[in-house]
C-alpha cells in the first residue's frame, strides 16, 4: 500500500496531537478546577501588618530555639562534651523559648475562622522541651551516653509536636502539613 505525502503528514500530525493531548490534558483540565476551600480567601493586602510582624517574630524565635537545640544535641553527642557550654546554651534556650512564648501570646483574629490561643499547648510543650534538655545536661554530667541519647530523642519528639501546634499560618491555624525532622 502506498501513502502519499499528504496522508503521511496527516498521520504524523494526528499522532503528535494525540500525544500532546495525553501529556497536557490533565494539567489543562486542572486549570479551571475550583479551589477546594473557597470560603476563606485572604489577599495579601488584607492581612494586617501587626499579624505579619507577629508571625515573623514567631518564626525568628522558633528558628533560634531550633538552632540552640541542634547545637546542644551536637555538643552532647561529641566525644568530650563541654558541660559548661551545654549549661550556657541551655540558659540561652530558656530565654529563646520565653521569647517564643511571648511572641505567640495573642494570636490576631483571622477572617472567616476564629483565632486560636495556642498559649496553653505551646507553653506545655516548651516546658517539656526544657525538661528534656535538663535531662540531657544531667545525663552528660553523669557521662551517661544512653541517657543523653534518650533525652535527645525526647527533645526531638517535643519539637515535632511543637511544630504541628504552632500557629504560623496567616489564619491562626497550625501548619497544614506534617514536617519531617
N, C-alpha and C. Protein backbone atom coordinates (compact mmCIF):
# COMPACT_ATOMS: atom_id res chain seq x y z
N UNK A 1 0.84 -1.15 0.00
CA UNK A 1 0.00 0.00 0.00
C UNK A 1 0.89 1.22 0.00
N UNK A 2 0.57 2.15 -0.87
CA UNK A 2 1.35 3.38 -0.99
C UNK A 2 0.64 4.50 -0.26
N UNK A 3 1.44 5.35 0.37
CA UNK A 3 0.92 6.51 1.09
C UNK A 3 1.59 7.73 0.50
N UNK A 4 0.77 8.70 0.13
CA UNK A 4 1.35 9.92 -0.43
C UNK A 4 1.78 10.87 0.70
N UNK A 5 2.42 11.97 0.31
CA UNK A 5 2.94 12.91 1.29
C UNK A 5 1.84 13.51 2.15
N UNK A 6 0.71 13.81 1.58
CA UNK A 6 -0.37 14.40 2.33
C UNK A 6 -0.88 13.44 3.40
N UNK A 7 -1.07 12.19 3.07
CA UNK A 7 -1.56 11.20 4.04
C UNK A 7 -0.52 10.97 5.14
N UNK A 8 0.75 10.91 4.79
CA UNK A 8 1.80 10.71 5.79
C UNK A 8 1.85 11.89 6.75
N UNK A 9 1.70 13.10 6.22
CA UNK A 9 1.70 14.28 7.08
C UNK A 9 0.49 14.28 8.00
N UNK A 10 -0.65 13.90 7.49
CA UNK A 10 -1.87 13.86 8.30
C UNK A 10 -1.74 12.84 9.42
N UNK A 11 -1.16 11.69 9.12
CA UNK A 11 -0.95 10.66 10.15
C UNK A 11 0.02 11.17 11.22
N UNK A 12 1.09 11.83 10.83
CA UNK A 12 2.08 12.35 11.77
C UNK A 12 1.47 13.42 12.67
N UNK A 13 0.66 14.33 12.08
CA UNK A 13 0.02 15.38 12.86
C UNK A 13 -0.96 14.77 13.85
N UNK A 14 -1.72 13.78 13.42
CA UNK A 14 -2.68 13.13 14.32
C UNK A 14 -1.96 12.44 15.47
N UNK A 15 -0.85 11.77 15.18
CA UNK A 15 -0.10 11.09 16.24
C UNK A 15 0.50 12.10 17.22
N UNK A 16 1.08 13.17 16.72
CA UNK A 16 1.65 14.19 17.60
C UNK A 16 0.57 14.88 18.42
N UNK A 17 -0.57 15.13 17.81
CA UNK A 17 -1.66 15.78 18.52
C UNK A 17 -2.19 14.91 19.65
N UNK A 18 -2.33 13.61 19.40
CA UNK A 18 -2.83 12.74 20.45
C UNK A 18 -1.82 12.61 21.58
N UNK A 19 -0.53 12.62 21.27
CA UNK A 19 0.49 12.59 22.32
C UNK A 19 0.45 13.88 23.13
N UNK A 20 0.30 15.01 22.46
CA UNK A 20 0.24 16.30 23.16
C UNK A 20 -0.97 16.37 24.07
N UNK A 21 -2.11 15.89 23.62
CA UNK A 21 -3.32 15.91 24.44
C UNK A 21 -3.15 14.96 25.63
N UNK A 22 -2.52 13.82 25.42
CA UNK A 22 -2.31 12.87 26.51
C UNK A 22 -1.39 13.45 27.58
N UNK A 23 -0.39 14.20 27.16
CA UNK A 23 0.55 14.77 28.12
C UNK A 23 -0.03 16.00 28.81
N UNK A 24 -0.63 16.90 28.07
CA UNK A 24 -1.09 18.17 28.62
C UNK A 24 -2.54 18.14 29.10
N UNK A 25 -3.28 17.12 28.75
CA UNK A 25 -4.70 17.06 29.09
C UNK A 25 -5.02 17.22 30.56
N UNK A 26 -4.40 16.44 31.47
CA UNK A 26 -4.75 16.59 32.89
C UNK A 26 -4.42 17.98 33.44
N UNK A 27 -3.31 18.55 33.03
CA UNK A 27 -2.98 19.87 33.55
C UNK A 27 -3.90 20.94 32.97
N UNK A 28 -4.33 20.78 31.73
CA UNK A 28 -5.28 21.73 31.16
C UNK A 28 -6.63 21.61 31.83
N UNK A 29 -7.03 20.42 32.21
CA UNK A 29 -8.30 20.23 32.89
C UNK A 29 -8.27 20.83 34.29
N UNK A 30 -7.11 20.82 34.93
CA UNK A 30 -7.00 21.34 36.29
C UNK A 30 -6.95 22.86 36.34
N UNK A 31 -6.73 23.51 35.22
CA UNK A 31 -6.63 24.97 35.20
C UNK A 31 -7.92 25.61 35.65
N UNK A 32 -9.05 25.11 35.19
CA UNK A 32 -10.33 25.71 35.52
C UNK A 32 -11.02 25.06 36.70
N UNK A 33 -10.37 24.13 37.39
CA UNK A 33 -10.97 23.47 38.54
C UNK A 33 -11.05 24.46 39.70
N UNK A 34 -12.15 24.44 40.46
CA UNK A 34 -12.28 25.38 41.59
C UNK A 34 -11.35 24.97 42.73
N UNK A 35 -10.95 25.96 43.51
CA UNK A 35 -10.15 25.68 44.69
C UNK A 35 -10.98 24.90 45.69
N UNK A 36 -10.38 23.98 46.45
CA UNK A 36 -11.17 23.17 47.36
C UNK A 36 -11.79 23.97 48.51
N UNK A 37 -11.15 25.02 48.99
CA UNK A 37 -11.68 25.80 50.10
C UNK A 37 -11.85 27.25 49.65
N UNK A 38 -13.02 27.54 49.12
CA UNK A 38 -13.28 28.88 48.62
C UNK A 38 -13.93 29.76 49.68
N UNK A 39 -14.18 29.23 50.89
CA UNK A 39 -14.87 30.01 51.90
C UNK A 39 -13.99 31.09 52.51
N UNK A 40 -12.68 30.85 52.58
CA UNK A 40 -11.78 31.82 53.18
C UNK A 40 -10.73 32.20 52.16
N UNK A 41 -10.80 33.44 51.72
CA UNK A 41 -9.81 33.95 50.78
C UNK A 41 -9.25 35.23 51.38
N UNK A 42 -7.98 35.20 51.71
CA UNK A 42 -7.34 36.38 52.28
C UNK A 42 -6.27 36.82 51.30
N UNK A 43 -6.43 37.99 50.79
CA UNK A 43 -5.42 38.51 49.89
C UNK A 43 -4.31 39.14 50.72
N UNK A 44 -3.11 39.22 50.19
CA UNK A 44 -2.02 39.80 50.96
C UNK A 44 -2.29 41.22 51.44
N UNK A 45 -3.09 41.98 50.73
CA UNK A 45 -3.37 43.35 51.14
C UNK A 45 -4.27 43.39 52.37
N UNK A 46 -5.06 42.31 52.61
CA UNK A 46 -5.99 42.29 53.73
C UNK A 46 -5.35 41.83 55.03
N UNK A 47 -4.18 41.23 54.99
CA UNK A 47 -3.53 40.76 56.20
C UNK A 47 -2.96 41.96 56.94
N UNK A 48 -3.36 42.16 58.20
CA UNK A 48 -2.85 43.31 58.93
C UNK A 48 -1.34 43.21 59.14
N UNK A 49 -0.71 44.38 59.14
CA UNK A 49 0.73 44.43 59.29
C UNK A 49 1.17 43.86 60.63
N UNK A 50 0.40 44.08 61.68
CA UNK A 50 0.74 43.56 63.01
C UNK A 50 0.73 42.03 63.02
N UNK A 51 -0.22 41.42 62.30
CA UNK A 51 -0.28 39.96 62.26
C UNK A 51 0.93 39.40 61.54
N UNK A 52 1.33 40.03 60.47
CA UNK A 52 2.51 39.57 59.73
C UNK A 52 3.75 39.74 60.59
N UNK A 53 3.85 40.86 61.28
CA UNK A 53 5.00 41.10 62.16
C UNK A 53 5.07 40.05 63.26
N UNK A 54 3.92 39.71 63.83
CA UNK A 54 3.88 38.70 64.88
C UNK A 54 4.30 37.34 64.35
N UNK A 55 3.86 36.99 63.16
CA UNK A 55 4.26 35.71 62.56
C UNK A 55 5.75 35.69 62.29
N UNK A 56 6.29 36.80 61.81
CA UNK A 56 7.73 36.86 61.55
C UNK A 56 8.52 36.75 62.85
N UNK A 57 8.04 37.39 63.91
CA UNK A 57 8.70 37.27 65.21
C UNK A 57 8.69 35.82 65.69
N UNK A 58 7.53 35.17 65.55
CA UNK A 58 7.41 33.79 65.99
C UNK A 58 8.34 32.87 65.20
N UNK A 59 8.43 33.10 63.89
CA UNK A 59 9.32 32.29 63.06
C UNK A 59 10.78 32.51 63.47
N UNK A 60 11.15 33.74 63.73
CA UNK A 60 12.51 34.04 64.16
C UNK A 60 12.84 33.38 65.49
N UNK A 61 11.92 33.46 66.44
CA UNK A 61 12.16 32.84 67.75
C UNK A 61 12.19 31.32 67.64
N UNK A 62 11.33 30.77 66.80
CA UNK A 62 11.34 29.32 66.59
C UNK A 62 12.66 28.89 65.97
N UNK A 63 13.17 29.66 65.02
CA UNK A 63 14.46 29.34 64.42
C UNK A 63 15.58 29.36 65.45
N UNK A 64 15.54 30.34 66.35
CA UNK A 64 16.57 30.40 67.39
C UNK A 64 16.47 29.19 68.33
N UNK A 65 15.25 28.80 68.69
CA UNK A 65 15.06 27.64 69.56
C UNK A 65 15.60 26.38 68.89
N UNK A 66 15.26 26.20 67.62
CA UNK A 66 15.72 25.00 66.90
C UNK A 66 17.23 24.99 66.73
N UNK A 67 17.82 26.14 66.46
CA UNK A 67 19.28 26.21 66.31
C UNK A 67 19.98 25.88 67.62
N UNK A 68 19.50 26.44 68.71
CA UNK A 68 20.12 26.16 70.00
C UNK A 68 19.95 24.69 70.39
N UNK A 69 18.78 24.13 70.12
CA UNK A 69 18.56 22.71 70.43
C UNK A 69 19.50 21.84 69.61
N UNK A 70 19.70 22.20 68.35
CA UNK A 70 20.62 21.45 67.50
C UNK A 70 22.04 21.51 68.04
N UNK A 71 22.47 22.69 68.45
CA UNK A 71 23.83 22.85 69.00
C UNK A 71 23.98 22.07 70.29
N UNK A 72 22.96 22.08 71.14
CA UNK A 72 23.02 21.33 72.40
C UNK A 72 23.14 19.84 72.12
N UNK A 73 22.33 19.36 71.19
CA UNK A 73 22.38 17.93 70.85
C UNK A 73 23.72 17.52 70.26
N UNK A 74 24.27 18.36 69.40
CA UNK A 74 25.57 18.04 68.79
C UNK A 74 26.69 18.07 69.83
N UNK A 75 26.64 19.03 70.73
CA UNK A 75 27.66 19.11 71.78
C UNK A 75 27.55 17.90 72.72
N UNK A 76 26.33 17.50 73.03
CA UNK A 76 26.12 16.34 73.92
C UNK A 76 26.61 15.05 73.29
N UNK A 77 26.55 14.95 71.97
CA UNK A 77 26.98 13.74 71.28
C UNK A 77 28.45 13.75 70.92
N UNK A 78 29.16 14.83 71.20
CA UNK A 78 30.59 14.88 70.86
C UNK A 78 31.36 13.92 71.78
N UNK A 79 32.60 13.64 71.39
CA UNK A 79 33.41 12.70 72.18
C UNK A 79 33.67 13.21 73.59
N UNK A 80 33.97 14.50 73.70
CA UNK A 80 34.20 15.11 75.01
C UNK A 80 33.29 16.33 75.14
N UNK A 81 32.04 16.13 75.57
CA UNK A 81 31.11 17.25 75.68
C UNK A 81 31.53 18.22 76.79
N UNK A 82 31.36 19.50 76.51
CA UNK A 82 31.69 20.56 77.45
C UNK A 82 30.42 20.90 78.23
N UNK A 83 30.37 20.51 79.50
CA UNK A 83 29.19 20.70 80.32
C UNK A 83 28.91 22.19 80.54
N UNK A 84 29.96 22.98 80.71
CA UNK A 84 29.76 24.43 80.90
C UNK A 84 29.12 25.06 79.67
N UNK A 85 29.56 24.65 78.50
CA UNK A 85 28.97 25.17 77.26
C UNK A 85 27.52 24.72 77.13
N UNK A 86 27.24 23.46 77.53
CA UNK A 86 25.86 22.96 77.47
C UNK A 86 24.95 23.77 78.40
N UNK A 87 25.43 24.08 79.59
CA UNK A 87 24.61 24.86 80.53
C UNK A 87 24.37 26.28 80.02
N UNK A 88 25.39 26.85 79.39
CA UNK A 88 25.24 28.19 78.83
C UNK A 88 24.22 28.17 77.68
N UNK A 89 24.29 27.17 76.82
CA UNK A 89 23.32 27.05 75.72
C UNK A 89 21.93 26.75 76.26
N UNK A 90 21.86 26.01 77.37
CA UNK A 90 20.57 25.71 77.99
C UNK A 90 19.91 27.00 78.48
N UNK A 91 20.70 27.89 79.07
CA UNK A 91 20.16 29.17 79.53
C UNK A 91 19.69 30.01 78.35
N UNK A 92 20.46 30.01 77.27
CA UNK A 92 20.05 30.76 76.07
C UNK A 92 18.78 30.16 75.49
N UNK A 93 18.66 28.82 75.54
CA UNK A 93 17.46 28.15 75.05
C UNK A 93 16.24 28.55 75.89
N UNK A 94 16.40 28.63 77.20
CA UNK A 94 15.29 29.04 78.06
C UNK A 94 14.85 30.46 77.73
N UNK A 95 15.80 31.33 77.48
CA UNK A 95 15.46 32.71 77.11
C UNK A 95 14.74 32.74 75.76
N UNK A 96 15.21 31.94 74.81
CA UNK A 96 14.59 31.89 73.48
C UNK A 96 13.18 31.32 73.54
N UNK A 97 12.96 30.28 74.35
CA UNK A 97 11.61 29.72 74.47
C UNK A 97 10.68 30.73 75.14
N UNK A 98 11.21 31.53 76.07
CA UNK A 98 10.39 32.58 76.67
C UNK A 98 9.97 33.62 75.65
N UNK A 99 10.90 34.01 74.78
CA UNK A 99 10.56 34.98 73.74
C UNK A 99 9.59 34.39 72.72
N UNK A 100 9.74 33.10 72.41
CA UNK A 100 8.79 32.44 71.50
C UNK A 100 7.41 32.42 72.13
N UNK A 101 7.35 32.09 73.37
CA UNK A 101 6.07 32.07 74.08
C UNK A 101 5.43 33.45 74.09
N UNK A 102 6.23 34.49 74.31
CA UNK A 102 5.70 35.86 74.31
C UNK A 102 5.22 36.28 72.93
N UNK A 103 5.91 35.84 71.89
CA UNK A 103 5.51 36.24 70.54
C UNK A 103 4.21 35.58 70.11
N UNK A 104 3.83 34.48 70.79
CA UNK A 104 2.59 33.79 70.45
C UNK A 104 1.48 34.07 71.45
N UNK A 105 1.71 34.95 72.39
CA UNK A 105 0.75 35.16 73.47
C UNK A 105 -0.63 35.52 72.96
N UNK A 106 -0.74 36.42 72.02
CA UNK A 106 -2.04 36.78 71.47
C UNK A 106 -2.00 36.54 69.98
N UNK A 107 -2.90 35.73 69.53
CA UNK A 107 -3.00 35.45 68.11
C UNK A 107 -4.00 36.41 67.50
N UNK A 108 -3.63 37.12 66.45
CA UNK A 108 -4.58 38.05 65.85
C UNK A 108 -5.77 37.30 65.25
N UNK A 109 -6.95 37.88 65.31
CA UNK A 109 -8.11 37.20 64.74
C UNK A 109 -7.98 37.09 63.22
N UNK A 110 -8.51 36.01 62.70
CA UNK A 110 -8.43 35.77 61.27
C UNK A 110 -9.81 35.93 60.65
N UNK A 111 -9.84 36.28 59.39
CA UNK A 111 -11.11 36.42 58.69
C UNK A 111 -11.67 35.04 58.40
N UNK A 112 -12.91 34.83 58.75
CA UNK A 112 -13.59 33.59 58.40
C UNK A 112 -13.38 32.46 59.39
N UNK A 113 -12.38 32.54 60.24
CA UNK A 113 -12.13 31.48 61.21
C UNK A 113 -11.84 32.12 62.55
N UNK A 114 -12.25 31.48 63.63
CA UNK A 114 -11.93 32.05 64.94
C UNK A 114 -10.44 31.91 65.24
N UNK A 115 -9.91 32.89 65.91
CA UNK A 115 -8.50 32.85 66.28
C UNK A 115 -8.30 31.83 67.39
N UNK A 116 -7.21 31.12 67.35
CA UNK A 116 -6.90 30.14 68.38
C UNK A 116 -5.85 30.72 69.29
N UNK A 117 -5.91 30.35 70.54
CA UNK A 117 -4.90 30.78 71.50
C UNK A 117 -4.06 29.56 71.86
N UNK A 118 -2.90 29.43 71.25
CA UNK A 118 -2.10 28.23 71.47
C UNK A 118 -1.28 28.29 72.76
N UNK A 119 -1.51 29.33 73.56
CA UNK A 119 -0.64 29.55 74.71
C UNK A 119 -0.55 28.32 75.60
N UNK A 120 -1.66 27.69 75.93
CA UNK A 120 -1.64 26.53 76.81
C UNK A 120 -0.84 25.38 76.23
N UNK A 121 -1.15 25.01 74.99
CA UNK A 121 -0.44 23.89 74.35
C UNK A 121 1.04 24.21 74.17
N UNK A 122 1.32 25.38 73.69
CA UNK A 122 2.70 25.76 73.40
C UNK A 122 3.50 25.87 74.69
N UNK A 123 2.90 26.46 75.71
CA UNK A 123 3.62 26.59 76.99
C UNK A 123 3.94 25.20 77.57
N UNK A 124 2.98 24.29 77.48
CA UNK A 124 3.23 22.94 77.99
C UNK A 124 4.35 22.26 77.21
N UNK A 125 4.33 22.42 75.89
CA UNK A 125 5.38 21.80 75.08
C UNK A 125 6.74 22.44 75.34
N UNK A 126 6.77 23.74 75.54
CA UNK A 126 8.04 24.39 75.85
C UNK A 126 8.57 23.95 77.21
N UNK A 127 7.68 23.69 78.16
CA UNK A 127 8.11 23.16 79.46
C UNK A 127 8.67 21.74 79.29
N UNK A 128 8.02 20.93 78.45
CA UNK A 128 8.53 19.58 78.18
C UNK A 128 9.89 19.64 77.51
N UNK A 129 10.07 20.59 76.61
CA UNK A 129 11.35 20.76 75.94
C UNK A 129 12.44 21.14 76.94
N UNK A 130 12.11 22.05 77.85
CA UNK A 130 13.08 22.45 78.88
C UNK A 130 13.43 21.26 79.77
N UNK A 131 12.44 20.44 80.11
CA UNK A 131 12.71 19.26 80.94
C UNK A 131 13.59 18.25 80.20
N UNK A 132 13.35 18.07 78.91
CA UNK A 132 14.17 17.14 78.13
C UNK A 132 15.61 17.64 78.03
N UNK A 133 15.79 18.93 77.86
CA UNK A 133 17.15 19.49 77.79
C UNK A 133 17.84 19.37 79.15
N UNK A 134 17.08 19.55 80.22
CA UNK A 134 17.66 19.38 81.56
C UNK A 134 18.11 17.93 81.77
N UNK A 135 17.29 16.97 81.32
CA UNK A 135 17.68 15.55 81.40
C UNK A 135 18.95 15.31 80.59
N UNK A 136 19.05 15.96 79.45
CA UNK A 136 20.21 15.81 78.59
C UNK A 136 21.47 16.33 79.29
N UNK A 137 21.38 17.51 79.88
CA UNK A 137 22.54 18.08 80.57
C UNK A 137 22.92 17.21 81.76
N UNK A 138 21.93 16.73 82.51
CA UNK A 138 22.21 15.85 83.65
C UNK A 138 22.88 14.56 83.20
N UNK A 139 22.40 13.99 82.10
CA UNK A 139 23.00 12.75 81.59
C UNK A 139 24.43 12.98 81.12
N UNK A 140 24.70 14.12 80.51
CA UNK A 140 26.07 14.42 80.06
C UNK A 140 26.98 14.60 81.27
N UNK A 141 26.48 15.25 82.32
CA UNK A 141 27.28 15.43 83.54
C UNK A 141 27.65 14.09 84.17
N UNK A 142 26.71 13.14 84.10
CA UNK A 142 26.95 11.81 84.66
C UNK A 142 27.68 10.88 83.69
N UNK A 143 27.96 11.40 82.49
CA UNK A 143 28.60 10.63 81.41
C UNK A 143 27.79 9.39 81.04
N UNK A 144 26.48 9.58 80.99
CA UNK A 144 25.53 8.53 80.64
C UNK A 144 25.12 8.72 79.17
N UNK A 145 25.82 8.04 78.27
CA UNK A 145 25.55 8.19 76.82
C UNK A 145 24.13 7.75 76.46
N UNK A 146 23.66 6.64 77.04
CA UNK A 146 22.31 6.15 76.72
C UNK A 146 21.25 7.15 77.20
N UNK A 147 21.44 7.72 78.38
CA UNK A 147 20.50 8.72 78.90
C UNK A 147 20.50 9.98 78.06
N UNK A 148 21.69 10.37 77.59
CA UNK A 148 21.79 11.55 76.73
C UNK A 148 21.06 11.31 75.41
N UNK A 149 21.25 10.14 74.84
CA UNK A 149 20.57 9.83 73.57
C UNK A 149 19.06 9.77 73.76
N UNK A 150 18.63 9.23 74.87
CA UNK A 150 17.19 9.16 75.17
C UNK A 150 16.61 10.58 75.32
N UNK A 151 17.35 11.45 75.99
CA UNK A 151 16.89 12.83 76.17
C UNK A 151 16.84 13.58 74.83
N UNK A 152 17.80 13.31 73.96
CA UNK A 152 17.79 13.94 72.63
C UNK A 152 16.57 13.48 71.85
N UNK A 153 16.28 12.19 71.90
CA UNK A 153 15.11 11.65 71.20
C UNK A 153 13.83 12.27 71.75
N UNK A 154 13.76 12.42 73.07
CA UNK A 154 12.59 13.04 73.69
C UNK A 154 12.44 14.50 73.26
N UNK A 155 13.55 15.23 73.22
CA UNK A 155 13.51 16.64 72.81
C UNK A 155 13.06 16.76 71.35
N UNK A 156 13.53 15.87 70.49
CA UNK A 156 13.12 15.93 69.09
C UNK A 156 11.63 15.61 68.93
N UNK A 157 11.12 14.69 69.74
CA UNK A 157 9.69 14.38 69.69
C UNK A 157 8.86 15.59 70.12
N UNK A 158 9.33 16.31 71.13
CA UNK A 158 8.63 17.51 71.59
C UNK A 158 8.67 18.58 70.50
N UNK A 159 9.80 18.71 69.82
CA UNK A 159 9.92 19.70 68.75
C UNK A 159 8.95 19.38 67.61
N UNK A 160 8.83 18.11 67.25
CA UNK A 160 7.89 17.73 66.19
C UNK A 160 6.46 18.10 66.59
N UNK A 161 6.12 17.83 67.84
CA UNK A 161 4.78 18.17 68.32
C UNK A 161 4.59 19.69 68.35
N UNK A 162 5.63 20.40 68.75
CA UNK A 162 5.58 21.86 68.79
C UNK A 162 5.36 22.44 67.40
N UNK A 163 6.06 21.90 66.41
CA UNK A 163 5.90 22.39 65.04
C UNK A 163 4.48 22.16 64.52
N UNK A 164 3.85 21.09 64.95
CA UNK A 164 2.49 20.82 64.46
C UNK A 164 1.45 21.69 65.15
N UNK A 165 1.80 22.33 66.26
CA UNK A 165 0.82 23.12 67.01
C UNK A 165 1.03 24.63 66.92
N UNK A 166 2.13 25.06 66.39
CA UNK A 166 2.39 26.50 66.31
C UNK A 166 1.52 27.13 65.23
N UNK A 167 0.88 28.24 65.52
CA UNK A 167 0.04 28.92 64.53
C UNK A 167 0.89 29.85 63.68
N UNK A 168 1.57 29.30 62.68
CA UNK A 168 2.45 30.11 61.86
C UNK A 168 1.88 30.38 60.47
N UNK A 169 0.59 30.13 60.29
CA UNK A 169 -0.05 30.44 59.02
C UNK A 169 -0.84 31.72 59.18
N UNK A 170 -1.28 32.27 58.09
CA UNK A 170 -1.99 33.54 58.11
C UNK A 170 -3.34 33.50 58.79
N UNK A 171 -3.95 32.32 58.93
CA UNK A 171 -5.27 32.26 59.53
C UNK A 171 -5.25 31.83 60.98
N UNK A 172 -4.08 31.82 61.62
CA UNK A 172 -4.01 31.48 63.03
C UNK A 172 -4.07 30.00 63.31
N UNK A 173 -4.02 29.18 62.28
CA UNK A 173 -4.10 27.73 62.45
C UNK A 173 -2.69 27.14 62.37
N UNK A 174 -2.50 25.92 62.88
CA UNK A 174 -1.19 25.28 62.78
C UNK A 174 -0.82 25.01 61.33
N UNK A 175 0.45 24.69 61.12
CA UNK A 175 0.91 24.38 59.78
C UNK A 175 0.13 23.20 59.24
N UNK A 176 -0.29 23.20 57.99
CA UNK A 176 -1.19 22.18 57.47
C UNK A 176 -0.54 20.85 57.16
N UNK A 177 0.75 20.79 57.02
CA UNK A 177 1.39 19.53 56.65
C UNK A 177 2.33 19.08 57.76
N UNK A 178 2.45 17.77 57.95
CA UNK A 178 3.44 17.32 58.93
C UNK A 178 4.84 17.59 58.41
N UNK A 179 5.69 18.09 59.26
CA UNK A 179 7.04 18.44 58.88
C UNK A 179 8.01 17.40 59.39
N UNK A 180 8.71 16.70 58.51
CA UNK A 180 9.68 15.70 58.99
C UNK A 180 10.91 16.38 59.54
N UNK A 181 11.50 15.78 60.55
CA UNK A 181 12.75 16.28 61.09
C UNK A 181 13.89 15.43 60.63
